[in-house]
């Protein structure tokens, strides 16, 4: 009987110790830059990282979604790939090009994995800044759920649609009309801590605003 009590005490002590370590381990912070495609988020992140003495890891949809997939899933328009993603080009009532990106059930699993990967980076003590596009209302709910208990700063990155589409055309890294497809919905369901408009701000000016906010 005494041995059983001793074992129970050891198990209880180990559990309490692990909980204490987990709760007192210094976590990192997360900055979510949310905004439409071509608004300048990835460039702001590079500037922010270069200006910081602390290490900030840059994570985003390109690195943690597109780059993880074989190129056939986004370069070949085949029905069997639609469970991951599907791009649909169209023209709106005013003749503007629109390119909608639909994420299938397999693709949604990758997004959920990205959210949890961000959480684990932070739990390990890393600071993370994220290039994000809130395509789907489910995404932001799942992201917030995944980051519960972690310090998160939401930054709204926006510009006029005219400015964004000019950049989209000049960059030629995404289909024309992609930004237009989510421009009016990307910020829904998010309460922001900081808003930055990149119509007339340079990348460095935008990153400086974030740094100043962190110093408050």
Protein backbone atom coordinates (compact mmCIF):
# COMPACT_ATOMS: atom_id res chain seq x y z
CA UNK A 1 0.00 0.00 0.00
CA UNK A 2 2.85 2.35 0.88
CA UNK A 3 4.44 1.68 -2.50
CA UNK A 4 1.18 2.61 -4.27
CA UNK A 5 1.01 5.85 -2.31
CA UNK A 6 4.65 6.61 -3.19
CA UNK A 7 4.02 5.98 -6.89
CA UNK A 8 0.96 8.22 -6.82
CA UNK A 9 2.95 10.97 -5.12
CA UNK A 10 5.71 10.71 -7.74
CA UNK A 11 3.17 10.85 -10.60
CA UNK A 12 1.41 13.83 -9.02
CA UNK A 13 4.71 15.67 -8.45
CA UNK A 14 5.80 15.04 -12.06
CA UNK A 15 2.48 16.32 -13.40
CA UNK A 16 2.55 19.48 -11.27
CA UNK A 17 6.17 20.13 -12.22
CA UNK A 18 5.45 19.78 -15.95
CA UNK A 19 2.47 22.12 -15.70
CA UNK A 20 4.58 24.66 -13.82
CA UNK A 21 7.35 24.52 -16.41
CA UNK A 22 4.90 24.88 -19.29
CA UNK A 23 3.11 27.82 -17.69
CA UNK A 24 6.30 29.61 -16.72
CA UNK A 25 8.30 28.97 -19.86
CA UNK A 26 8.70 32.28 -21.63
CA UNK A 27 6.56 32.29 -24.74
CA UNK A 28 7.16 34.45 -27.76
CA UNK A 29 4.75 36.89 -29.38
CA UNK A 30 2.85 36.82 -32.66
CA UNK A 31 2.18 39.65 -35.09
CA UNK A 32 -0.45 38.90 -37.74
CA UNK A 33 -0.24 41.15 -40.81
CA UNK A 34 -3.56 40.63 -42.55
CA UNK A 35 -4.48 42.21 -45.85
CA UNK A 36 -5.13 41.58 -49.52
CA UNK A 37 -2.61 40.16 -51.94
CA UNK A 38 -0.05 42.68 -53.28
CA UNK A 39 -0.60 45.17 -50.45
CA UNK A 40 3.05 44.85 -49.35
CA UNK A 41 2.97 42.52 -46.34
CA UNK A 42 5.96 40.34 -47.26
CA UNK A 43 8.14 43.40 -47.94
CA UNK A 44 7.10 44.96 -44.63
CA UNK A 45 8.05 41.74 -42.84
CA UNK A 46 11.55 41.72 -44.40
CA UNK A 47 12.06 45.34 -43.38
CA UNK A 48 10.76 44.64 -39.87
CA UNK A 49 13.12 41.68 -39.47
CA UNK A 50 16.12 43.68 -40.68
CA UNK A 51 15.41 46.59 -38.33
CA UNK A 52 14.99 44.37 -35.27
CA UNK A 53 17.74 43.28 -32.91
CA UNK A 54 15.50 40.47 -31.68
CA UNK A 55 14.95 37.43 -33.86
CA UNK A 56 11.53 37.43 -35.55
CA UNK A 57 10.56 34.45 -37.70
CA UNK A 58 8.68 35.29 -40.90
CA UNK A 59 5.84 32.88 -41.65
CA UNK A 60 3.14 33.13 -44.29
CA UNK A 61 0.82 31.49 -46.77
CA UNK A 62 3.56 31.27 -49.38
CA UNK A 63 6.03 29.49 -47.11
CA UNK A 64 3.61 27.39 -45.08
CA UNK A 65 1.04 26.59 -47.76
CA UNK A 66 2.07 27.08 -51.39
CA UNK A 67 5.75 26.17 -50.95
CA UNK A 68 4.83 22.95 -49.14
CA UNK A 69 2.78 21.63 -52.06
CA UNK A 70 3.94 20.04 -55.33
CA UNK A 71 3.60 22.68 -58.06
CA UNK A 72 1.05 20.59 -59.97
CA UNK A 73 -1.60 21.53 -57.41
CA UNK A 74 -1.48 25.20 -58.38
CA UNK A 75 -0.11 25.10 -61.94
CA UNK A 76 -2.30 22.38 -63.40
CA UNK A 77 -6.07 22.95 -63.57
CA UNK A 78 -7.14 19.36 -63.04
CA UNK A 79 -10.32 18.29 -61.19
CA UNK A 80 -8.39 15.86 -58.98
CA UNK A 81 -6.41 18.80 -57.58
CA UNK A 82 -9.49 20.73 -56.46
CA UNK A 83 -9.48 19.05 -53.06
CA UNK A 84 -6.37 21.16 -52.40
CA UNK A 85 -7.13 24.37 -54.27
CA UNK A 86 -8.82 25.70 -57.36
CA UNK A 87 -8.32 29.02 -59.13
CA UNK A 88 -11.24 30.40 -61.11
CA UNK A 89 -10.82 33.37 -63.47
CA UNK A 90 -13.85 35.49 -64.35
CA UNK A 91 -14.98 39.02 -65.18
CA UNK A 92 -17.31 41.06 -62.97
CA UNK A 93 -20.27 43.20 -64.08
CA UNK A 94 -17.98 46.16 -64.81
CA UNK A 95 -15.57 44.11 -66.91
CA UNK A 96 -12.86 43.85 -64.25
CA UNK A 97 -10.80 40.68 -64.07
CA UNK A 98 -11.41 38.59 -60.94
CA UNK A 99 -9.43 35.55 -59.87
CA UNK A 100 -10.95 33.60 -56.99
CA UNK A 101 -8.93 31.02 -55.11
CA UNK A 102 -10.95 28.23 -53.50
CA UNK A 103 -9.31 25.99 -50.91
CA UNK A 104 -10.59 22.40 -50.82
CA UNK A 105 -10.80 20.04 -47.83
CA UNK A 106 -7.20 18.85 -48.24
CA UNK A 107 -5.99 22.42 -48.49
CA UNK A 108 -7.97 23.37 -45.38
CA UNK A 109 -6.03 20.75 -43.43
CA UNK A 110 -2.78 22.44 -44.47
CA UNK A 111 -4.10 25.79 -43.21
CA UNK A 112 -5.06 24.26 -39.86
CA UNK A 113 -1.56 22.79 -39.67
CA UNK A 114 -0.04 26.22 -40.35
CA UNK A 115 -2.02 27.75 -37.48
CA UNK A 116 -0.79 25.07 -35.09
CA UNK A 117 2.78 25.37 -36.36
CA UNK A 118 2.69 29.09 -35.53
CA UNK A 119 1.50 28.20 -32.02
CA UNK A 120 4.31 25.69 -31.46
CA UNK A 121 6.99 28.12 -32.68
CA UNK A 122 5.73 30.64 -30.14
CA UNK A 123 5.44 28.10 -27.33
CA UNK A 124 9.10 27.27 -27.91
CA UNK A 125 9.92 30.93 -27.17
CA UNK A 126 10.12 32.32 -30.72
CA UNK A 127 8.71 35.63 -31.91
CA UNK A 128 6.73 35.22 -35.12
CA UNK A 129 5.42 37.70 -37.69
CA UNK A 130 2.89 36.31 -40.16
CA UNK A 131 1.96 37.29 -43.73
CA UNK A 132 -1.75 36.43 -43.74
CA UNK A 133 -4.75 36.65 -46.07
CA UNK A 134 -8.06 35.87 -44.41
CA UNK A 135 -9.67 34.08 -47.36
CA UNK A 136 -12.21 32.17 -45.30
CA UNK A 137 -14.13 33.21 -42.11
CA UNK A 138 -13.26 29.79 -40.65
CA UNK A 139 -9.56 30.59 -40.91
CA UNK A 140 -9.51 33.51 -38.51
CA UNK A 141 -11.63 31.61 -35.99
CA UNK A 142 -9.28 28.65 -36.13
CA UNK A 143 -6.22 30.92 -35.92
CA UNK A 144 -7.55 32.66 -32.80
CA UNK A 145 -8.43 29.31 -31.24
CA UNK A 146 -4.95 27.95 -31.97
CA UNK A 147 -3.27 31.01 -30.44
CA UNK A 148 -5.40 31.18 -27.30
CA UNK A 149 -3.26 32.17 -24.32
CA UNK A 150 -0.56 33.68 -26.56
CA UNK A 151 0.12 37.39 -27.04
CA UNK A 152 -1.15 38.25 -30.53
CA UNK A 153 -1.07 41.64 -32.26
CA UNK A 154 -3.34 42.01 -35.27
CA UNK A 155 -2.18 44.57 -37.84
CA UNK A 156 -4.43 45.68 -40.68
CA UNK A 157 -2.44 46.29 -43.87
CA UNK A 158 -4.51 48.03 -46.50
CA UNK A 159 -4.37 50.35 -49.52
CA UNK A 160 -6.77 51.47 -52.22
CA UNK A 161 -7.80 48.79 -54.70
CA UNK A 162 -6.34 50.94 -57.49
CA UNK A 163 -2.92 50.99 -55.82
CA UNK A 164 -3.01 47.27 -55.10
CA UNK A 165 -4.00 46.33 -58.64
CA UNK A 166 -1.19 48.48 -60.07
CA UNK A 167 1.27 46.61 -57.86
CA UNK A 168 -0.32 43.29 -58.79
CA UNK A 169 0.17 44.08 -62.48
CA UNK A 170 3.76 45.29 -62.03
CA UNK A 171 4.79 42.35 -59.85
CA UNK A 172 3.16 39.74 -62.09
CA UNK A 173 3.56 37.12 -59.35
CA UNK A 174 -0.16 36.38 -59.00
CA UNK A 175 -3.04 36.36 -61.50
CA UNK A 176 -4.66 39.69 -62.27
CA UNK A 177 -7.85 40.06 -60.29
CA UNK A 178 -6.64 38.01 -57.35
CA UNK A 179 -6.56 40.94 -54.92
CA UNK A 180 -9.97 42.15 -56.14
CA UNK A 181 -11.51 38.76 -55.33
CA UNK A 182 -11.02 39.18 -51.57
CA UNK A 183 -10.43 42.93 -51.19
CA UNK A 184 -13.82 43.65 -49.57
CA UNK A 185 -13.92 40.58 -47.31
CA UNK A 186 -10.36 40.04 -46.09
CA UNK A 187 -10.74 42.22 -42.97
CA UNK A 188 -14.10 40.88 -41.79
CA UNK A 189 -14.27 39.41 -38.29
CA UNK A 190 -11.00 40.92 -37.05
CA UNK A 191 -10.49 43.57 -34.36
CA UNK A 192 -7.18 45.24 -35.11
CA UNK A 193 -4.58 46.66 -32.74
CA UNK A 194 -2.92 48.72 -35.46
CA UNK A 195 -3.88 49.88 -38.96
CA UNK A 196 -1.36 50.77 -41.66
CA UNK A 197 -2.28 52.15 -45.07
CA UNK A 198 0.43 51.55 -47.69
CA UNK A 199 -0.89 53.87 -50.41
CA UNK A 200 1.75 56.48 -49.64
CA UNK A 201 3.94 54.78 -47.02
CA UNK A 202 7.22 53.13 -47.85
CA UNK A 203 7.94 49.61 -46.63
CA UNK A 204 10.39 50.99 -44.05
CA UNK A 205 7.86 53.54 -42.77
CA UNK A 206 5.29 50.79 -42.35
CA UNK A 207 7.69 48.52 -40.45
CA UNK A 208 8.73 51.45 -38.22
CA UNK A 209 5.08 51.92 -37.23
CA UNK A 210 4.92 48.33 -36.04
CA UNK A 211 8.17 48.69 -34.11
CA UNK A 212 6.91 51.86 -32.41
CA UNK A 213 3.69 50.09 -31.47
CA UNK A 214 5.68 47.29 -29.81
CA UNK A 215 7.64 49.85 -27.78
CA UNK A 216 4.52 51.25 -26.10
